[in-house]
Amino acid sequence: MDDISISIKDRNGKTHTVTAPTDMAMNLMELVRSYEIEEEGTIGTCGGMAMCASCQCYILSEHQLKEMEDDEEAMLSEAFFVKDNSRLSCQIFITKDLDGLEFEIAPAS
């Protein structure tokens, strides 16, 4: 199993460094949910379909991510608290090249 390390800053400012599997086709939103970093029902309310922005995050490290698809870009254009480094965590799949990734979960309201 090829696991990597990812650091997640929660909405209260606490950083969680977690182990993430690269062989399960998981995305960052699912990782947050599996470690129960945020209250249930507050992350990924659309199920990871890029339709709600509840999983918006800020990428803090310099990792190269795949470019945004149209659905993600459209959802972020309507979301609150958007920054230049905003992404939807449901659209970022965990791969080996994300080892050491750091991101922060955007405010809920």
C-alpha atoms as a PDB file:
ATOM      1  CA  MET A   1       0.000   0.000   0.000  1.00  0.00           C
ATOM      2  CA  ASP A   2       1.343   3.410  -0.961  1.00  0.00           C
ATOM      3  CA  ASP A   3       0.220   5.894   1.663  1.00  0.00           C
ATOM      4  CA  ILE A   4       1.160   9.560   1.731  1.00  0.00           C
ATOM      5  CA  SER A   5       0.984  12.276   4.379  1.00  0.00           C
ATOM      6  CA  ILE A   6      -1.381  15.245   4.072  1.00  0.00           C
ATOM      7  CA  SER A   7      -1.871  18.158   6.486  1.00  0.00           C
ATOM      8  CA  ILE A   8      -5.383  19.528   6.918  1.00  0.00           C
ATOM      9  CA  LYS A   9      -6.152  22.730   8.824  1.00  0.00           C
ATOM     10  CA  ASP A  10      -9.700  22.525  10.165  1.00  0.00           C
ATOM     11  CA  ARG A  11     -12.202  25.363  10.572  1.00  0.00           C
ATOM     12  CA  ASN A  12     -11.036  25.910  14.157  1.00  0.00           C
ATOM     13  CA  GLY A  13      -7.403  26.402  13.088  1.00  0.00           C
ATOM     14  CA  LYS A  14      -6.106  23.018  14.285  1.00  0.00           C
ATOM     15  CA  THR A  15      -3.792  21.155  11.910  1.00  0.00           C
ATOM     16  CA  HIS A  16      -4.240  17.413  11.437  1.00  0.00           C
ATOM     17  CA  THR A  17      -1.507  15.433   9.694  1.00  0.00           C
ATOM     18  CA  VAL A  18      -3.120  12.289   8.338  1.00  0.00           C
ATOM     19  CA  THR A  19      -2.169   9.247   6.318  1.00  0.00           C
ATOM     20  CA  ALA A  20      -3.897   9.068   2.948  1.00  0.00           C
ATOM     21  CA  PRO A  21      -4.102   5.976   0.715  1.00  0.00           C
ATOM     22  CA  THR A  22      -3.214   6.438  -2.938  1.00  0.00           C
ATOM     23  CA  ASP A  23      -4.746   3.159  -4.070  1.00  0.00           C
ATOM     24  CA  MET A  24      -8.422   3.783  -3.243  1.00  0.00           C
ATOM     25  CA  ALA A  25      -9.366   6.592  -5.693  1.00  0.00           C
ATOM     26  CA  MET A  26     -10.265   8.853  -2.751  1.00  0.00           C
ATOM     27  CA  ASN A  27     -10.485  12.617  -2.969  1.00  0.00           C
ATOM     28  CA  LEU A  28      -9.568  15.175  -0.298  1.00  0.00           C
ATOM     29  CA  MET A  29     -13.197  15.682   0.746  1.00  0.00           C
ATOM     30  CA  GLU A  30     -13.551  11.960   1.447  1.00  0.00           C
ATOM     31  CA  LEU A  31     -10.312  12.064   3.423  1.00  0.00           C
ATOM     32  CA  VAL A  32     -11.656  14.854   5.648  1.00  0.00           C
ATOM     33  CA  ARG A  33     -14.855  12.896   6.176  1.00  0.00           C
ATOM     34  CA  SER A  34     -13.094   9.596   6.898  1.00  0.00           C
ATOM     35  CA  TYR A  35     -10.999  11.186   9.655  1.00  0.00           C
ATOM     36  CA  GLU A  36     -14.063  13.076  10.965  1.00  0.00           C
ATOM     37  CA  ILE A  37     -12.121  16.345  10.950  1.00  0.00           C
ATOM     38  CA  GLU A  38     -15.283  18.418  10.569  1.00  0.00           C
ATOM     39  CA  GLU A  39     -18.779  17.858  11.911  1.00  0.00           C
ATOM     40  CA  GLU A  40     -20.763  15.307   9.938  1.00  0.00           C
ATOM     41  CA  GLY A  41     -22.993  16.875   7.313  1.00  0.00           C
ATOM     42  CA  THR A  42     -20.866  20.004   6.871  1.00  0.00           C
ATOM     43  CA  ILE A  43     -18.418  18.739   4.231  1.00  0.00           C
ATOM     44  CA  GLY A  44     -19.436  17.368   0.847  1.00  0.00           C
ATOM     45  CA  THR A  45     -23.171  17.735   1.242  1.00  0.00           C
ATOM     46  CA  CYS A  46     -23.661  17.131  -2.489  1.00  0.00           C
ATOM     47  CA  GLY A  47     -21.725  13.875  -2.304  1.00  0.00           C
ATOM     48  CA  GLY A  48     -18.714  15.139  -4.205  1.00  0.00           C
ATOM     49  CA  MET A  49     -20.459  16.260  -7.374  1.00  0.00           C
ATOM     50  CA  ALA A  50     -19.031  19.847  -7.387  1.00  0.00           C
ATOM     51  CA  MET A  51     -22.526  21.220  -6.772  1.00  0.00           C
ATOM     52  CA  CYS A  52     -22.405  22.776  -3.278  1.00  0.00           C
ATOM     53  CA  ALA A  53     -18.938  24.166  -2.399  1.00  0.00           C
ATOM     54  CA  SER A  54     -19.261  22.869   1.191  1.00  0.00           C
ATOM     55  CA  CYS A  55     -15.873  21.212   0.705  1.00  0.00           C
ATOM     56  CA  GLN A  56     -14.101  24.358  -0.512  1.00  0.00           C
ATOM     57  CA  CYS A  57     -10.515  24.466   0.669  1.00  0.00           C
ATOM     58  CA  TYR A  58      -7.425  26.621   0.315  1.00  0.00           C
ATOM     59  CA  ILE A  59      -4.301  24.933  -1.026  1.00  0.00           C
ATOM     60  CA  LEU A  60      -1.424  26.114   1.177  1.00  0.00           C
ATOM     61  CA  SER A  61       1.506  24.177  -0.291  1.00  0.00           C
ATOM     62  CA  GLU A  62       3.103  24.585  -3.709  1.00  0.00           C
ATOM     63  CA  HIS A  63       1.883  21.281  -5.174  1.00  0.00           C
ATOM     64  CA  GLN A  64       0.897  21.218  -8.816  1.00  0.00           C
ATOM     65  CA  LEU A  65      -2.738  20.163  -9.060  1.00  0.00           C
ATOM     66  CA  LYS A  66      -4.691  19.237 -12.149  1.00  0.00           C
ATOM     67  CA  GLU A  67      -6.492  22.182 -13.674  1.00  0.00           C
ATOM     68  CA  MET A  68     -10.058  22.900 -12.640  1.00  0.00           C
ATOM     69  CA  GLU A  69     -12.833  21.392 -14.697  1.00  0.00           C
ATOM     70  CA  ASP A  70     -15.699  23.682 -15.771  1.00  0.00           C
ATOM     71  CA  ASP A  71     -18.053  22.396 -13.032  1.00  0.00           C
ATOM     72  CA  GLU A  72     -15.582  23.208 -10.270  1.00  0.00           C
ATOM     73  CA  GLU A  73     -14.814  26.643 -11.655  1.00  0.00           C
ATOM     74  CA  ALA A  74     -18.531  27.447 -11.995  1.00  0.00           C
ATOM     75  CA  MET A  75     -19.268  26.359  -8.422  1.00  0.00           C
ATOM     76  CA  LEU A  76     -16.406  28.419  -7.004  1.00  0.00           C
ATOM     77  CA  SER A  77     -17.618  31.464  -8.936  1.00  0.00           C
ATOM     78  CA  GLU A  78     -20.799  31.313  -6.820  1.00  0.00           C
ATOM     79  CA  ALA A  79     -19.216  30.349  -3.476  1.00  0.00           C
ATOM     80  CA  PHE A  80     -18.408  32.537  -0.482  1.00  0.00           C
ATOM     81  CA  PHE A  81     -14.897  33.135   0.934  1.00  0.00           C
ATOM     82  CA  VAL A  82     -13.201  32.295  -2.385  1.00  0.00           C
ATOM     83  CA  LYS A  83      -9.482  33.056  -2.647  1.00  0.00           C
ATOM     84  CA  ASP A  84      -6.914  32.649  -5.406  1.00  0.00           C
ATOM     85  CA  ASN A  85      -5.909  29.283  -3.921  1.00  0.00           C
ATOM     86  CA  SER A  86      -9.490  27.968  -3.521  1.00  0.00           C
ATOM     87  CA  ARG A  87     -10.409  24.524  -4.800  1.00  0.00           C
ATOM     88  CA  LEU A  88     -13.185  22.033  -4.167  1.00  0.00           C
ATOM     89  CA  SER A  89     -11.629  19.193  -2.206  1.00  0.00           C
ATOM     90  CA  CYS A  90     -14.028  16.704  -3.822  1.00  0.00           C
ATOM     91  CA  GLN A  91     -12.325  17.368  -7.152  1.00  0.00           C
ATOM     92  CA  ILE A  92      -8.757  16.647  -5.981  1.00  0.00           C
ATOM     93  CA  PHE A  93      -7.959  12.951  -6.009  1.00  0.00           C
ATOM     94  CA  ILE A  94      -5.241  11.562  -3.778  1.00  0.00           C
ATOM     95  CA  THR A  95      -2.174  10.506  -5.738  1.00  0.00           C
ATOM     96  CA  LYS A  96       1.459   9.885  -4.816  1.00  0.00           C
ATOM     97  CA  ASP A  97       2.501  13.325  -6.087  1.00  0.00           C
ATOM     98  CA  LEU A  98       0.353  14.961  -3.367  1.00  0.00           C
ATOM     99  CA  ASP A  99       2.617  13.678  -0.586  1.00  0.00           C
ATOM    100  CA  GLY A 100       3.110  16.536   1.870  1.00  0.00           C
ATOM    101  CA  LEU A 101       0.125  18.527   0.590  1.00  0.00           C
ATOM    102  CA  GLU A 102      -1.174  21.164   2.989  1.00  0.00           C
ATOM    103  CA  PHE A 103      -4.667  22.612   2.775  1.00  0.00           C
ATOM    104  CA  GLU A 104      -7.157  24.502   4.897  1.00  0.00           C
ATOM    105  CA  ILE A 105     -10.905  23.926   4.969  1.00  0.00           C
ATOM    106  CA  ALA A 106     -12.766  27.129   4.070  1.00  0.00           C
ATOM    107  CA  PRO A 107     -15.283  28.609   6.526  1.00  0.00           C
ATOM    108  CA  ALA A 108     -18.792  27.165   6.418  1.00  0.00           C
ATOM    109  CA  SER A 109     -20.511  30.527   6.798  1.00  0.00           C
END
